[in-house]
Amino acid sequence: LPAGGRVVVLGETGRNFAAGMSGGIAYILDPERAFPDRCNKGLVALETVETEEEAALLKSYIQEHVQMTGSEVGKKVLAEWPAPIHQFVKVMPIDYKRVLRQLAEEGEEENSGDEAQVAISY
C-alpha cells in the first residue's frame, strides 16, 4: 500500500476536517449525523465501511485503543458491536482511492498465475 495512515475518531471533530487531506483514511464515529457539515469535502469523499474485513480492522483499532487507554466510549462501541458500524463515516481522499484502485488492478494482473504472491510494505 502507498503511505497513508489510519485514524479513528470517537469524539466530535472540529470544523474544516480533512482540509488538505491527501492520503490515509479516517473513520469518524458520527451517531448524530453531524459530521458532514464539519467536513471540508474538497479533496475527500464520505463513505461507509464497505466490507467485513474493513469492519474487522476498524474494530481491532478500537480494541487496541481501549486496551491502551481504557476509553469508555470505545468500550461502549465494542459492547454494541456490530451495530455501531453504521454510525461511522469513512473519510477517503479521492486521489488516494484512485491510487489504491490502480495498485489493486495492477496486483491482480501480476498475480493472475497459479501461485499467490504476498507483498508486505512497511
PDB file of N, CA and C in Angstrom:
ATOM      1  N   LEU A   1       0.836  -1.188   0.000  1.00  0.00           N
ATOM      2  CA  LEU A   1       0.000   0.000   0.000  1.00  0.00           C
ATOM      3  C   LEU A   1       0.875   1.243   0.000  1.00  0.00           C
ATOM      4  N   PRO A   2       0.407   2.308  -0.632  1.00  0.00           N
ATOM      5  CA  PRO A   2       1.150   3.555  -0.549  1.00  0.00           C
ATOM      6  C   PRO A   2       1.056   4.113   0.865  1.00  0.00           C
ATOM      7  N   ALA A   3       1.956   5.028   1.168  1.00  0.00           N
ATOM      8  CA  ALA A   3       1.941   5.635   2.500  1.00  0.00           C
ATOM      9  C   ALA A   3       0.582   6.231   2.782  1.00  0.00           C
ATOM     10  N   GLY A   4       0.156   6.114   3.989  1.00  0.00           N
ATOM     11  CA  GLY A   4      -1.133   6.657   4.375  1.00  0.00           C
ATOM     12  C   GLY A   4      -1.569   5.967   5.648  1.00  0.00           C
ATOM     13  N   GLY A   5      -1.809   6.732   6.655  1.00  0.00           N
ATOM     14  CA  GLY A   5      -2.186   6.158   7.934  1.00  0.00           C
ATOM     15  C   GLY A   5      -3.683   5.999   8.062  1.00  0.00           C
ATOM     16  N   ARG A   6      -4.079   5.521   9.218  1.00  0.00           N
ATOM     17  CA  ARG A   6      -5.488   5.369   9.559  1.00  0.00           C
ATOM     18  C   ARG A   6      -5.714   6.078  10.878  1.00  0.00           C
ATOM     19  N   VAL A   7      -6.862   6.703  11.011  1.00  0.00           N
ATOM     20  CA  VAL A   7      -7.239   7.348  12.264  1.00  0.00           C
ATOM     21  C   VAL A   7      -8.696   7.015  12.544  1.00  0.00           C
ATOM     22  N   VAL A   8      -8.989   6.767  13.809  1.00  0.00           N
ATOM     23  CA  VAL A   8     -10.367   6.541  14.242  1.00  0.00           C
ATOM     24  C   VAL A   8     -10.687   7.641  15.237  1.00  0.00           C
ATOM     25  N   VAL A   9     -11.758   8.370  14.985  1.00  0.00           N
ATOM     26  CA  VAL A   9     -12.179   9.462  15.865  1.00  0.00           C
ATOM     27  C   VAL A   9     -13.475   9.042  16.540  1.00  0.00           C
ATOM     28  N   LEU A  10     -13.425   8.938  17.875  1.00  0.00           N
ATOM     29  CA  LEU A  10     -14.605   8.517  18.636  1.00  0.00           C
ATOM     30  C   LEU A  10     -15.324   9.694  19.281  1.00  0.00           C
ATOM     31  N   GLY A  11     -14.837  10.905  19.064  1.00  0.00           N
ATOM     32  CA  GLY A  11     -15.464  12.108  19.599  1.00  0.00           C
ATOM     33  C   GLY A  11     -15.788  13.060  18.465  1.00  0.00           C
ATOM     34  N   GLU A  12     -16.236  14.241  18.819  1.00  0.00           N
ATOM     35  CA  GLU A  12     -16.569  15.243  17.804  1.00  0.00           C
ATOM     36  C   GLU A  12     -15.314  15.770  17.128  1.00  0.00           C
ATOM     37  N   THR A  13     -15.460  16.134  15.882  1.00  0.00           N
ATOM     38  CA  THR A  13     -14.377  16.795  15.166  1.00  0.00           C
ATOM     39  C   THR A  13     -14.653  18.288  15.150  1.00  0.00           C
ATOM     40  N   GLY A  14     -13.625  19.043  14.860  1.00  0.00           N
ATOM     41  CA  GLY A  14     -13.816  20.468  14.638  1.00  0.00           C
ATOM     42  C   GLY A  14     -14.308  20.702  13.224  1.00  0.00           C
ATOM     43  N   ARG A  15     -14.524  21.950  12.908  1.00  0.00           N
ATOM     44  CA  ARG A  15     -14.963  22.257  11.548  1.00  0.00           C
ATOM     45  C   ARG A  15     -13.760  22.207  10.609  1.00  0.00           C
ATOM     46  N   ASN A  16     -14.007  22.037   9.351  1.00  0.00           N
ATOM     47  CA  ASN A  16     -12.994  22.000   8.309  1.00  0.00           C
ATOM     48  C   ASN A  16     -12.141  20.737   8.375  1.00  0.00           C
ATOM     49  N   PHE A  17     -12.690  19.657   8.934  1.00  0.00           N
ATOM     50  CA  PHE A  17     -11.971  18.390   8.997  1.00  0.00           C
ATOM     51  C   PHE A  17     -11.624  17.957   7.574  1.00  0.00           C
ATOM     52  N   ALA A  18     -10.459  17.413   7.390  1.00  0.00           N
ATOM     53  CA  ALA A  18      -9.953  16.865   6.122  1.00  0.00           C
ATOM     54  C   ALA A  18      -9.442  17.926   5.160  1.00  0.00           C
ATOM     55  N   ALA A  19      -9.383  19.169   5.571  1.00  0.00           N
ATOM     56  CA  ALA A  19      -8.814  20.201   4.689  1.00  0.00           C
ATOM     57  C   ALA A  19      -7.368  19.823   4.383  1.00  0.00           C
ATOM     58  N   GLY A  20      -7.058  19.630   3.131  1.00  0.00           N
ATOM     59  CA  GLY A  20      -5.709  19.271   2.728  1.00  0.00           C
ATOM     60  C   GLY A  20      -5.371  17.800   2.872  1.00  0.00           C
ATOM     61  N   MET A  21      -6.332  16.975   3.225  1.00  0.00           N
ATOM     62  CA  MET A  21      -6.071  15.536   3.407  1.00  0.00           C
ATOM     63  C   MET A  21      -5.820  14.891   2.050  1.00  0.00           C
ATOM     64  N   SER A  22      -4.619  14.329   1.883  1.00  0.00           N
ATOM     65  CA  SER A  22      -4.268  13.764   0.580  1.00  0.00           C
ATOM     66  C   SER A  22      -4.024  12.257   0.625  1.00  0.00           C
ATOM     67  N   GLY A  23      -3.965  11.683   1.804  1.00  0.00           N
ATOM     68  CA  GLY A  23      -3.724  10.251   1.915  1.00  0.00           C
ATOM     69  C   GLY A  23      -4.283   9.729   3.217  1.00  0.00           C
ATOM     70  N   GLY A  24      -4.286   8.422   3.353  1.00  0.00           N
ATOM     71  CA  GLY A  24      -4.789   7.802   4.568  1.00  0.00           C
ATOM     72  C   GLY A  24      -6.304   7.731   4.571  1.00  0.00           C
ATOM     73  N   ILE A  25      -6.818   7.156   5.637  1.00  0.00           N
ATOM     74  CA  ILE A  25      -8.262   7.003   5.797  1.00  0.00           C
ATOM     75  C   ILE A  25      -8.631   7.372   7.224  1.00  0.00           C
ATOM     76  N   ALA A  26      -9.713   8.100   7.378  1.00  0.00           N
ATOM     77  CA  ALA A  26     -10.229   8.444   8.709  1.00  0.00           C
ATOM     78  C   ALA A  26     -11.599   7.803   8.873  1.00  0.00           C
ATOM     79  N   TYR A  27     -11.824   7.252  10.059  1.00  0.00           N
ATOM     80  CA  TYR A  27     -13.127   6.692  10.417  1.00  0.00           C
ATOM     81  C   TYR A  27     -13.667   7.539  11.556  1.00  0.00           C
ATOM     82  N   ILE A  28     -14.802   8.184  11.339  1.00  0.00           N
ATOM     83  CA  ILE A  28     -15.380   9.109  12.303  1.00  0.00           C
ATOM     84  C   ILE A  28     -16.666   8.518  12.863  1.00  0.00           C
ATOM     85  N   LEU A  29     -16.722   8.337  14.186  1.00  0.00           N
ATOM     86  CA  LEU A  29     -17.967   7.916  14.823  1.00  0.00           C
ATOM     87  C   LEU A  29     -18.907   9.115  14.827  1.00  0.00           C
ATOM     88  N   ASP A  30     -20.055   8.954  14.183  1.00  0.00           N
ATOM     89  CA  ASP A  30     -20.963  10.088  13.988  1.00  0.00           C
ATOM     90  C   ASP A  30     -22.414   9.682  14.238  1.00  0.00           C
ATOM     91  N   PRO A  31     -22.752   9.340  15.489  1.00  0.00           N
ATOM     92  CA  PRO A  31     -24.120   8.885  15.765  1.00  0.00           C
ATOM     93  C   PRO A  31     -25.175   9.966  15.543  1.00  0.00           C
ATOM     94  N   GLU A  32     -24.783  11.224  15.637  1.00  0.00           N
ATOM     95  CA  GLU A  32     -25.738  12.329  15.449  1.00  0.00           C
ATOM     96  C   GLU A  32     -25.838  12.777  13.984  1.00  0.00           C
ATOM     97  N   ARG A  33     -25.039  12.187  13.124  1.00  0.00           N
ATOM     98  CA  ARG A  33     -25.024  12.537  11.695  1.00  0.00           C
ATOM     99  C   ARG A  33     -24.716  14.027  11.469  1.00  0.00           C
ATOM    100  N   ALA A  34     -23.834  14.579  12.298  1.00  0.00           N
ATOM    101  CA  ALA A  34     -23.461  15.992  12.190  1.00  0.00           C
ATOM    102  C   ALA A  34     -22.143  16.185  11.445  1.00  0.00           C
ATOM    103  N   PHE A  35     -21.379  15.113  11.254  1.00  0.00           N
ATOM    104  CA  PHE A  35     -20.036  15.246  10.685  1.00  0.00           C
ATOM    105  C   PHE A  35     -19.995  15.850   9.281  1.00  0.00           C
ATOM    106  N   PRO A  36     -20.860  15.472   8.357  1.00  0.00           N
ATOM    107  CA  PRO A  36     -20.733  16.023   7.003  1.00  0.00           C
ATOM    108  C   PRO A  36     -20.697  17.551   6.952  1.00  0.00           C
ATOM    109  N   ASP A  37     -21.382  18.208   7.867  1.00  0.00           N
ATOM    110  CA  ASP A  37     -21.367  19.667   7.888  1.00  0.00           C
ATOM    111  C   ASP A  37     -20.050  20.226   8.415  1.00  0.00           C
ATOM    112  N   ARG A  38     -19.271  19.413   9.108  1.00  0.00           N
ATOM    113  CA  ARG A  38     -17.985  19.851   9.666  1.00  0.00           C
ATOM    114  C   ARG A  38     -16.807  19.493   8.759  1.00  0.00           C
ATOM    115  N   CYS A  39     -17.069  18.741   7.715  1.00  0.00           N
ATOM    116  CA  CYS A  39     -16.004  18.222   6.869  1.00  0.00           C
ATOM    117  C   CYS A  39     -15.794  19.099   5.639  1.00  0.00           C
ATOM    118  N   ASN A  40     -14.538  19.341   5.316  1.00  0.00           N
ATOM    119  CA  ASN A  40     -14.174  20.028   4.085  1.00  0.00           C
ATOM    120  C   ASN A  40     -14.101  18.955   2.996  1.00  0.00           C
ATOM    121  N   LYS A  41     -15.094  18.903   2.152  1.00  0.00           N
ATOM    122  CA  LYS A  41     -15.217  17.831   1.176  1.00  0.00           C
ATOM    123  C   LYS A  41     -14.525  18.140  -0.150  1.00  0.00           C
ATOM    124  N   GLY A  42     -13.624  19.112  -0.147  1.00  0.00           N
ATOM    125  CA  GLY A  42     -12.935  19.474  -1.381  1.00  0.00           C
ATOM    126  C   GLY A  42     -12.068  18.377  -1.968  1.00  0.00           C
ATOM    127  N   LEU A  43     -11.413  17.583  -1.126  1.00  0.00           N
ATOM    128  CA  LEU A  43     -10.488  16.556  -1.605  1.00  0.00           C
ATOM    129  C   LEU A  43     -10.896  15.141  -1.217  1.00  0.00           C
ATOM    130  N   VAL A  44     -11.989  15.011  -0.474  1.00  0.00           N
ATOM    131  CA  VAL A  44     -12.360  13.698   0.064  1.00  0.00           C
ATOM    132  C   VAL A  44     -13.794  13.324  -0.289  1.00  0.00           C
ATOM    133  N   ALA A  45     -14.038  12.031  -0.203  1.00  0.00           N
ATOM    134  CA  ALA A  45     -15.397  11.511  -0.333  1.00  0.00           C
ATOM    135  C   ALA A  45     -15.784  10.919   1.017  1.00  0.00           C
ATOM    136  N   LEU A  46     -17.048  11.030   1.358  1.00  0.00           N
ATOM    137  CA  LEU A  46     -17.566  10.431   2.586  1.00  0.00           C
ATOM    138  C   LEU A  46     -18.244   9.126   2.205  1.00  0.00           C
ATOM    139  N   GLU A  47     -17.796   8.054   2.856  1.00  0.00           N
ATOM    140  CA  GLU A  47     -18.263   6.716   2.507  1.00  0.00           C
ATOM    141  C   GLU A  47     -18.682   5.969   3.763  1.00  0.00           C
ATOM    142  N   THR A  48     -19.093   4.741   3.563  1.00  0.00           N
ATOM    143  CA  THR A  48     -19.406   3.850   4.677  1.00  0.00           C
ATOM    144  C   THR A  48     -18.323   2.775   4.743  1.00  0.00           C
ATOM    145  N   VAL A  49     -18.300   2.052   5.840  1.00  0.00           N
ATOM    146  CA  VAL A  49     -17.411   0.897   5.956  1.00  0.00           C
ATOM    147  C   VAL A  49     -18.002  -0.173   5.044  1.00  0.00           C
ATOM    148  N   GLU A  50     -17.213  -0.621   4.077  1.00  0.00           N
ATOM    149  CA  GLU A  50     -17.773  -1.372   2.959  1.00  0.00           C
ATOM    150  C   GLU A  50     -17.694  -2.889   3.073  1.00  0.00           C
ATOM    151  N   THR A  51     -16.703  -3.405   3.767  1.00  0.00           N
ATOM    152  CA  THR A  51     -16.518  -4.858   3.775  1.00  0.00           C
ATOM    153  C   THR A  51     -16.393  -5.376   5.204  1.00  0.00           C
ATOM    154  N   GLU A  52     -16.575  -6.684   5.349  1.00  0.00           N
ATOM    155  CA  GLU A  52     -16.386  -7.303   6.660  1.00  0.00           C
ATOM    156  C   GLU A  52     -14.943  -7.185   7.114  1.00  0.00           C
ATOM    157  N   GLU A  53     -14.014  -7.277   6.167  1.00  0.00           N
ATOM    158  CA  GLU A  53     -12.599  -7.148   6.503  1.00  0.00           C
ATOM    159  C   GLU A  53     -12.289  -5.751   7.036  1.00  0.00           C
ATOM    160  N   GLU A  54     -12.867  -4.756   6.404  1.00  0.00           N
ATOM    161  CA  GLU A  54     -12.655  -3.381   6.853  1.00  0.00           C
ATOM    162  C   GLU A  54     -13.285  -3.161   8.233  1.00  0.00           C
ATOM    163  N   ALA A  55     -14.457  -3.735   8.457  1.00  0.00           N
ATOM    164  CA  ALA A  55     -15.121  -3.630   9.760  1.00  0.00           C
ATOM    165  C   ALA A  55     -14.272  -4.301  10.837  1.00  0.00           C
ATOM    166  N   ALA A  56     -13.695  -5.450  10.524  1.00  0.00           N
ATOM    167  CA  ALA A  56     -12.845  -6.157  11.490  1.00  0.00           C
ATOM    168  C   ALA A  56     -11.596  -5.341  11.809  1.00  0.00           C
ATOM    169  N   LEU A  57     -11.028  -4.693  10.814  1.00  0.00           N
ATOM    170  CA  LEU A  57      -9.852  -3.850  11.033  1.00  0.00           C
ATOM    171  C   LEU A  57     -10.208  -2.653  11.913  1.00  0.00           C
ATOM    172  N   LEU A  58     -11.327  -2.015  11.622  1.00  0.00           N
ATOM    173  CA  LEU A  58     -11.797  -0.890  12.432  1.00  0.00           C
ATOM    174  C   LEU A  58     -12.015  -1.337  13.879  1.00  0.00           C
ATOM    175  N   LYS A  59     -12.653  -2.469  14.055  1.00  0.00           N
ATOM    176  CA  LYS A  59     -12.885  -2.994  15.404  1.00  0.00           C
ATOM    177  C   LYS A  59     -11.554  -3.239  16.117  1.00  0.00           C
ATOM    178  N   SER A  60     -10.572  -3.766  15.406  1.00  0.00           N
ATOM    179  CA  SER A  60      -9.272  -4.036  16.037  1.00  0.00           C
ATOM    180  C   SER A  60      -8.593  -2.738  16.475  1.00  0.00           C
ATOM    181  N   TYR A  61      -8.747  -1.664  15.701  1.00  0.00           N
ATOM    182  CA  TYR A  61      -8.188  -0.365  16.103  1.00  0.00           C
ATOM    183  C   TYR A  61      -8.835   0.106  17.407  1.00  0.00           C
ATOM    184  N   ILE A  62     -10.153  -0.051  17.485  1.00  0.00           N
ATOM    185  CA  ILE A  62     -10.876   0.384  18.688  1.00  0.00           C
ATOM    186  C   ILE A  62     -10.486  -0.487  19.879  1.00  0.00           C
ATOM    187  N   GLN A  63     -10.355  -1.788  19.660  1.00  0.00           N
ATOM    188  CA  GLN A  63      -9.937  -2.684  20.743  1.00  0.00           C
ATOM    189  C   GLN A  63      -8.558  -2.285  21.282  1.00  0.00           C
ATOM    190  N   GLU A  64      -7.638  -1.989  20.378  1.00  0.00           N
ATOM    191  CA  GLU A  64      -6.298  -1.573  20.806  1.00  0.00           C
ATOM    192  C   GLU A  64      -6.368  -0.262  21.591  1.00  0.00           C
ATOM    193  N   HIS A  65      -7.186   0.655  21.126  1.00  0.00           N
ATOM    194  CA  HIS A  65      -7.359   1.941  21.815  1.00  0.00           C
ATOM    195  C   HIS A  65      -7.895   1.726  23.235  1.00  0.00           C
ATOM    196  N   VAL A  66      -8.909   0.890  23.355  1.00  0.00           N
ATOM    197  CA  VAL A  66      -9.487   0.607  24.674  1.00  0.00           C
ATOM    198  C   VAL A  66      -8.449  -0.051  25.577  1.00  0.00           C
ATOM    199  N   GLN A  67      -7.708  -0.990  25.025  1.00  0.00           N
ATOM    200  CA  GLN A  67      -6.684  -1.683  25.806  1.00  0.00           C
ATOM    201  C   GLN A  67      -5.637  -0.697  26.333  1.00  0.00           C
ATOM    202  N   MET A  68      -5.268   0.275  25.510  1.00  0.00           N
ATOM    203  CA  MET A  68      -4.206   1.200  25.897  1.00  0.00           C
ATOM    204  C   MET A  68      -4.699   2.374  26.745  1.00  0.00           C
ATOM    205  N   THR A  69      -5.978   2.734  26.615  1.00  0.00           N
ATOM    206  CA  THR A  69      -6.457   3.957  27.277  1.00  0.00           C
ATOM    207  C   THR A  69      -7.608   3.743  28.253  1.00  0.00           C
ATOM    208  N   GLY A  70      -8.305   2.614  28.145  1.00  0.00           N
ATOM    209  CA  GLY A  70      -9.490   2.413  28.971  1.00  0.00           C
ATOM    210  C   GLY A  70     -10.674   3.262  28.532  1.00  0.00           C
ATOM    211  N   SER A  71     -10.675   3.738  27.305  1.00  0.00           N
ATOM    212  CA  SER A  71     -11.718   4.618  26.777  1.00  0.00           C
ATOM    213  C   SER A  71     -13.123   4.078  27.018  1.00  0.00           C
ATOM    214  N   GLU A  72     -13.946   4.860  27.700  1.00  0.00           N
ATOM    215  CA  GLU A  72     -15.334   4.470  27.950  1.00  0.00           C
ATOM    216  C   GLU A  72     -16.145   4.472  26.659  1.00  0.00           C
ATOM    217  N   VAL A  73     -15.888   5.435  25.797  1.00  0.00           N
ATOM    218  CA  VAL A  73     -16.601   5.476  24.510  1.00  0.00           C
ATOM    219  C   VAL A  73     -16.239   4.240  23.697  1.00  0.00           C
ATOM    220  N   GLY A  74     -14.966   3.918  23.656  1.00  0.00           N
ATOM    221  CA  GLY A  74     -14.531   2.731  22.941  1.00  0.00           C
ATOM    222  C   GLY A  74     -15.159   1.464  23.490  1.00  0.00           C
ATOM    223  N   LYS A  75     -15.220   1.360  24.816  1.00  0.00           N
ATOM    224  CA  LYS A  75     -15.852   0.195  25.445  1.00  0.00           C
ATOM    225  C   LYS A  75     -17.316   0.080  25.043  1.00  0.00           C
ATOM    226  N   LYS A  76     -18.008   1.211  25.003  1.00  0.00           N
ATOM    227  CA  LYS A  76     -19.429   1.209  24.631  1.00  0.00           C
ATOM    228  C   LYS A  76     -19.606   0.781  23.168  1.00  0.00           C
ATOM    229  N   VAL A  77     -18.760   1.296  22.299  1.00  0.00           N
ATOM    230  CA  VAL A  77     -18.831   0.920  20.884  1.00  0.00           C
ATOM    231  C   VAL A  77     -18.616  -0.581  20.736  1.00  0.00           C
ATOM    232  N   LEU A  78     -17.617  -1.112  21.413  1.00  0.00           N
ATOM    233  CA  LEU A  78     -17.324  -2.545  21.314  1.00  0.00           C
ATOM    234  C   LEU A  78     -18.439  -3.397  21.911  1.00  0.00           C
ATOM    235  N   ALA A  79     -19.025  -2.940  23.011  1.00  0.00           N
ATOM    236  CA  ALA A  79     -20.103  -3.700  23.647  1.00  0.00           C
ATOM    237  C   ALA A  79     -21.328  -3.798  22.735  1.00  0.00           C
ATOM    238  N   GLU A  80     -21.528  -2.801  21.896  1.00  0.00           N
ATOM    239  CA  GLU A  80     -22.689  -2.771  21.000  1.00  0.00           C
ATOM    240  C   GLU A  80     -22.369  -3.290  19.596  1.00  0.00           C
ATOM    241  N   TRP A  81     -21.118  -3.667  19.364  1.00  0.00           N
ATOM    242  CA  TRP A  81     -20.676  -4.100  18.034  1.00  0.00           C
ATOM    243  C   TRP A  81     -21.465  -5.320  17.585  1.00  0.00           C
ATOM    244  N   PRO A  82     -21.927  -5.405  16.354  1.00  0.00           N
ATOM    245  CA  PRO A  82     -21.564  -4.627  15.184  1.00  0.00           C
ATOM    246  C   PRO A  82     -22.494  -3.454  14.862  1.00  0.00           C
ATOM    247  N   ALA A  83     -23.499  -3.217  15.672  1.00  0.00           N
ATOM    248  CA  ALA A  83     -24.462  -2.148  15.378  1.00  0.00           C
ATOM    249  C   ALA A  83     -23.799  -0.787  15.104  1.00  0.00           C
ATOM    250  N   PRO A  84     -22.778  -0.376  15.861  1.00  0.00           N
ATOM    251  CA  PRO A  84     -22.206   0.961  15.630  1.00  0.00           C
ATOM    252  C   PRO A  84     -21.500   1.135  14.286  1.00  0.00           C
ATOM    253  N   ILE A  85     -21.254   0.052  13.584  1.00  0.00           N
ATOM    254  CA  ILE A  85     -20.543   0.182  12.310  1.00  0.00           C
ATOM    255  C   ILE A  85     -21.256   1.147  11.374  1.00  0.00           C
ATOM    256  N   HIS A  86     -22.569   1.215  11.473  1.00  0.00           N
ATOM    257  CA  HIS A  86     -23.351   2.098  10.602  1.00  0.00           C
ATOM    258  C   HIS A  86     -23.285   3.554  11.044  1.00  0.00           C
ATOM    259  N   GLN A  87     -22.682   3.803  12.202  1.00  0.00           N
ATOM    260  CA  GLN A  87     -22.531   5.177  12.695  1.00  0.00           C
ATOM    261  C   GLN A  87     -21.184   5.782  12.300  1.00  0.00           C
ATOM    262  N   PHE A  88     -20.342   5.006  11.639  1.00  0.00           N
ATOM    263  CA  PHE A  88     -19.034   5.512  11.224  1.00  0.00           C
ATOM    264  C   PHE A  88     -19.097   6.082   9.814  1.00  0.00           C
ATOM    265  N   VAL A  89     -18.424   7.202   9.645  1.00  0.00           N
ATOM    266  CA  VAL A  89     -18.231   7.803   8.327  1.00  0.00           C
ATOM    267  C   VAL A  89     -16.775   7.557   7.958  1.00  0.00           C
ATOM    268  N   LYS A  90     -16.572   7.023   6.793  1.00  0.00           N
ATOM    269  CA  LYS A  90     -15.220   6.786   6.283  1.00  0.00           C
ATOM    270  C   LYS A  90     -14.845   7.975   5.409  1.00  0.00           C
ATOM    271  N   VAL A  91     -13.751   8.634   5.767  1.00  0.00           N
ATOM    272  CA  VAL A  91     -13.272   9.790   5.008  1.00  0.00           C
ATOM    273  C   VAL A  91     -12.105   9.318   4.149  1.00  0.00           C
ATOM    274  N   MET A  92     -12.305   9.359   2.845  1.00  0.00           N
ATOM    275  CA  MET A  92     -11.320   8.819   1.908  1.00  0.00           C
ATOM    276  C   MET A  92     -10.927   9.881   0.882  1.00  0.00           C
ATOM    277  N   PRO A  93      -9.643  10.268   0.858  1.00  0.00           N
ATOM    278  CA  PRO A  93      -9.202  11.200  -0.177  1.00  0.00           C
ATOM    279  C   PRO A  93      -9.441  10.611  -1.570  1.00  0.00           C
ATOM    280  N   ILE A  94      -9.992  11.399  -2.449  1.00  0.00           N
ATOM    281  CA  ILE A  94     -10.377  10.922  -3.779  1.00  0.00           C
ATOM    282  C   ILE A  94      -9.170  10.406  -4.556  1.00  0.00           C
ATOM    283  N   ASP A  95      -8.071  11.152  -4.569  1.00  0.00           N
ATOM    284  CA  ASP A  95      -6.884  10.713  -5.304  1.00  0.00           C
ATOM    285  C   ASP A  95      -6.259   9.471  -4.679  1.00  0.00           C
ATOM    286  N   TYR A  96      -6.274   9.374  -3.370  1.00  0.00           N
ATOM    287  CA  TYR A  96      -5.733   8.213  -2.671  1.00  0.00           C
ATOM    288  C   TYR A  96      -6.522   6.958  -3.050  1.00  0.00           C
ATOM    289  N   LYS A  97      -7.824   7.076  -3.128  1.00  0.00           N
ATOM    290  CA  LYS A  97      -8.662   5.935  -3.510  1.00  0.00           C
ATOM    291  C   LYS A  97      -8.343   5.496  -4.939  1.00  0.00           C
ATOM    292  N   ARG A  98      -8.115   6.472  -5.809  1.00  0.00           N
ATOM    293  CA  ARG A  98      -7.761   6.158  -7.194  1.00  0.00           C
ATOM    294  C   ARG A  98      -6.450   5.376  -7.255  1.00  0.00           C
ATOM    295  N   VAL A  99      -5.448   5.816  -6.472  1.00  0.00           N
ATOM    296  CA  VAL A  99      -4.152   5.134  -6.440  1.00  0.00           C
ATOM    297  C   VAL A  99      -4.304   3.714  -5.899  1.00  0.00           C
ATOM    298  N   LEU A 100      -5.066   3.545  -4.820  1.00  0.00           N
ATOM    299  CA  LEU A 100      -5.290   2.209  -4.268  1.00  0.00           C
ATOM    300  C   LEU A 100      -5.963   1.299  -5.289  1.00  0.00           C
ATOM    301  N   ARG A 101      -6.930   1.848  -6.018  1.00  0.00           N
ATOM    302  CA  ARG A 101      -7.631   1.061  -7.037  1.00  0.00           C
ATOM    303  C   ARG A 101      -6.660   0.633  -8.139  1.00  0.00           C
ATOM    304  N   GLN A 102      -5.815   1.571  -8.583  1.00  0.00           N
ATOM    305  CA  GLN A 102      -4.831   1.256  -9.623  1.00  0.00           C
ATOM    306  C   GLN A 102      -3.877   0.158  -9.152  1.00  0.00           C
ATOM    307  N   LEU A 103      -3.383   0.283  -7.923  1.00  0.00           N
ATOM    308  CA  LEU A 103      -2.466  -0.718  -7.390  1.00  0.00           C
ATOM    309  C   LEU A 103      -3.131  -2.085  -7.292  1.00  0.00           C
ATOM    310  N   ALA A 104      -4.393  -2.108  -6.895  1.00  0.00           N
ATOM    311  CA  ALA A 104      -5.121  -3.373  -6.797  1.00  0.00           C
ATOM    312  C   ALA A 104      -5.276  -4.003  -8.182  1.00  0.00           C
ATOM    313  N   GLU A 105      -5.587  -3.187  -9.176  1.00  0.00           N
ATOM    314  CA  GLU A 105      -5.743  -3.700 -10.535  1.00  0.00           C
ATOM    315  C   GLU A 105      -4.421  -4.229 -11.072  1.00  0.00           C
ATOM    316  N   GLU A 106      -3.329  -3.515 -10.822  1.00  0.00           N
ATOM    317  CA  GLU A 106      -2.017  -3.969 -11.264  1.00  0.00           C
ATOM    318  C   GLU A 106      -1.640  -5.261 -10.551  1.00  0.00           C
ATOM    319  N   GLY A 107      -1.975  -5.348  -9.264  1.00  0.00           N
ATOM    320  CA  GLY A 107      -1.682  -6.559  -8.499  1.00  0.00           C
ATOM    321  C   GLY A 107      -2.450  -7.756  -9.013  1.00  0.00           C
ATOM    322  N   GLU A 108      -3.695  -7.534  -9.427  1.00  0.00           N
ATOM    323  CA  GLU A 108      -4.496  -8.627  -9.972  1.00  0.00           C
ATOM    324  C   GLU A 108      -3.881  -9.141 -11.261  1.00  0.00           C
ATOM    325  N   GLU A 109      -3.377  -8.219 -12.097  1.00  0.00           N
ATOM    326  CA  GLU A 109      -2.748  -8.625 -13.347  1.00  0.00           C
ATOM    327  C   GLU A 109      -1.470  -9.413 -13.073  1.00  0.00           C
ATOM    328  N   GLU A 110      -0.666  -8.964 -12.113  1.00  0.00           N
ATOM    329  CA  GLU A 110       0.592  -9.623 -11.785  1.00  0.00           C
ATOM    330  C   GLU A 110       0.367 -10.961 -11.110  1.00  0.00           C
ATOM    331  N   ASN A 111      -0.707 -11.108 -10.357  1.00  0.00           N
ATOM    332  CA  ASN A 111      -0.969 -12.322  -9.586  1.00  0.00           C
ATOM    333  C   ASN A 111      -1.971 -13.247 -10.264  1.00  0.00           C
ATOM    334  N   SER A 112      -2.066 -13.168 -11.568  1.00  0.00           N
ATOM    335  CA  SER A 112      -3.069 -13.981 -12.257  1.00  0.00           C
ATOM    336  C   SER A 112      -2.611 -15.419 -12.471  1.00  0.00           C
ATOM    337  N   GLY A 113      -1.382 -15.778 -12.084  1.00  0.00           N
ATOM    338  CA  GLY A 113      -0.878 -17.143 -12.221  1.00  0.00           C
ATOM    339  C   GLY A 113      -1.406 -18.053 -11.137  1.00  0.00           C
ATOM    340  N   ASP A 114      -0.883 -19.281 -11.110  1.00  0.00           N
ATOM    341  CA  ASP A 114      -1.344 -20.269 -10.147  1.00  0.00           C
ATOM    342  C   ASP A 114      -0.865 -19.985  -8.716  1.00  0.00           C
ATOM    343  N   GLU A 115       0.309 -19.385  -8.566  1.00  0.00           N
ATOM    344  CA  GLU A 115       0.866 -19.148  -7.251  1.00  0.00           C
ATOM    345  C   GLU A 115       0.506 -17.757  -6.761  1.00  0.00           C
ATOM    346  N   ALA A 116       0.051 -17.686  -5.534  1.00  0.00           N
ATOM    347  CA  ALA A 116      -0.260 -16.389  -4.942  1.00  0.00           C
ATOM    348  C   ALA A 116       1.018 -15.747  -4.439  1.00  0.00           C
ATOM    349  N   GLN A 117       1.125 -14.453  -4.597  1.00  0.00           N
ATOM    350  CA  GLN A 117       2.256 -13.700  -4.093  1.00  0.00           C
ATOM    351  C   GLN A 117       1.757 -12.721  -3.054  1.00  0.00           C
ATOM    352  N   VAL A 118       2.541 -12.561  -2.012  1.00  0.00           N
ATOM    353  CA  VAL A 118       2.168 -11.647  -0.948  1.00  0.00           C
ATOM    354  C   VAL A 118       3.221 -10.560  -0.858  1.00  0.00           C
ATOM    355  N   ALA A 119       2.778  -9.328  -0.867  1.00  0.00           N
ATOM    356  CA  ALA A 119       3.688  -8.198  -0.714  1.00  0.00           C
ATOM    357  C   ALA A 119       3.374  -7.499   0.602  1.00  0.00           C
ATOM    358  N   ILE A 120       4.406  -7.261   1.383  1.00  0.00           N
ATOM    359  CA  ILE A 120       4.231  -6.571   2.651  1.00  0.00           C
ATOM    360  C   ILE A 120       5.051  -5.289   2.583  1.00  0.00           C
ATOM    361  N   SER A 121       4.404  -4.181   2.910  1.00  0.00           N
ATOM    362  CA  SER A 121       5.064  -2.891   2.876  1.00  0.00           C
ATOM    363  C   SER A 121       5.061  -2.281   4.258  1.00  0.00           C
ATOM    364  N   TYR A 122       6.180  -1.732   4.675  1.00  0.00           N
ATOM    365  CA  TYR A 122       6.282  -1.077   5.979  1.00  0.00           C
ATOM    366  C   TYR A 122       6.540   0.379   5.803  1.00  0.00           C
TER     367      TYR A 122
END
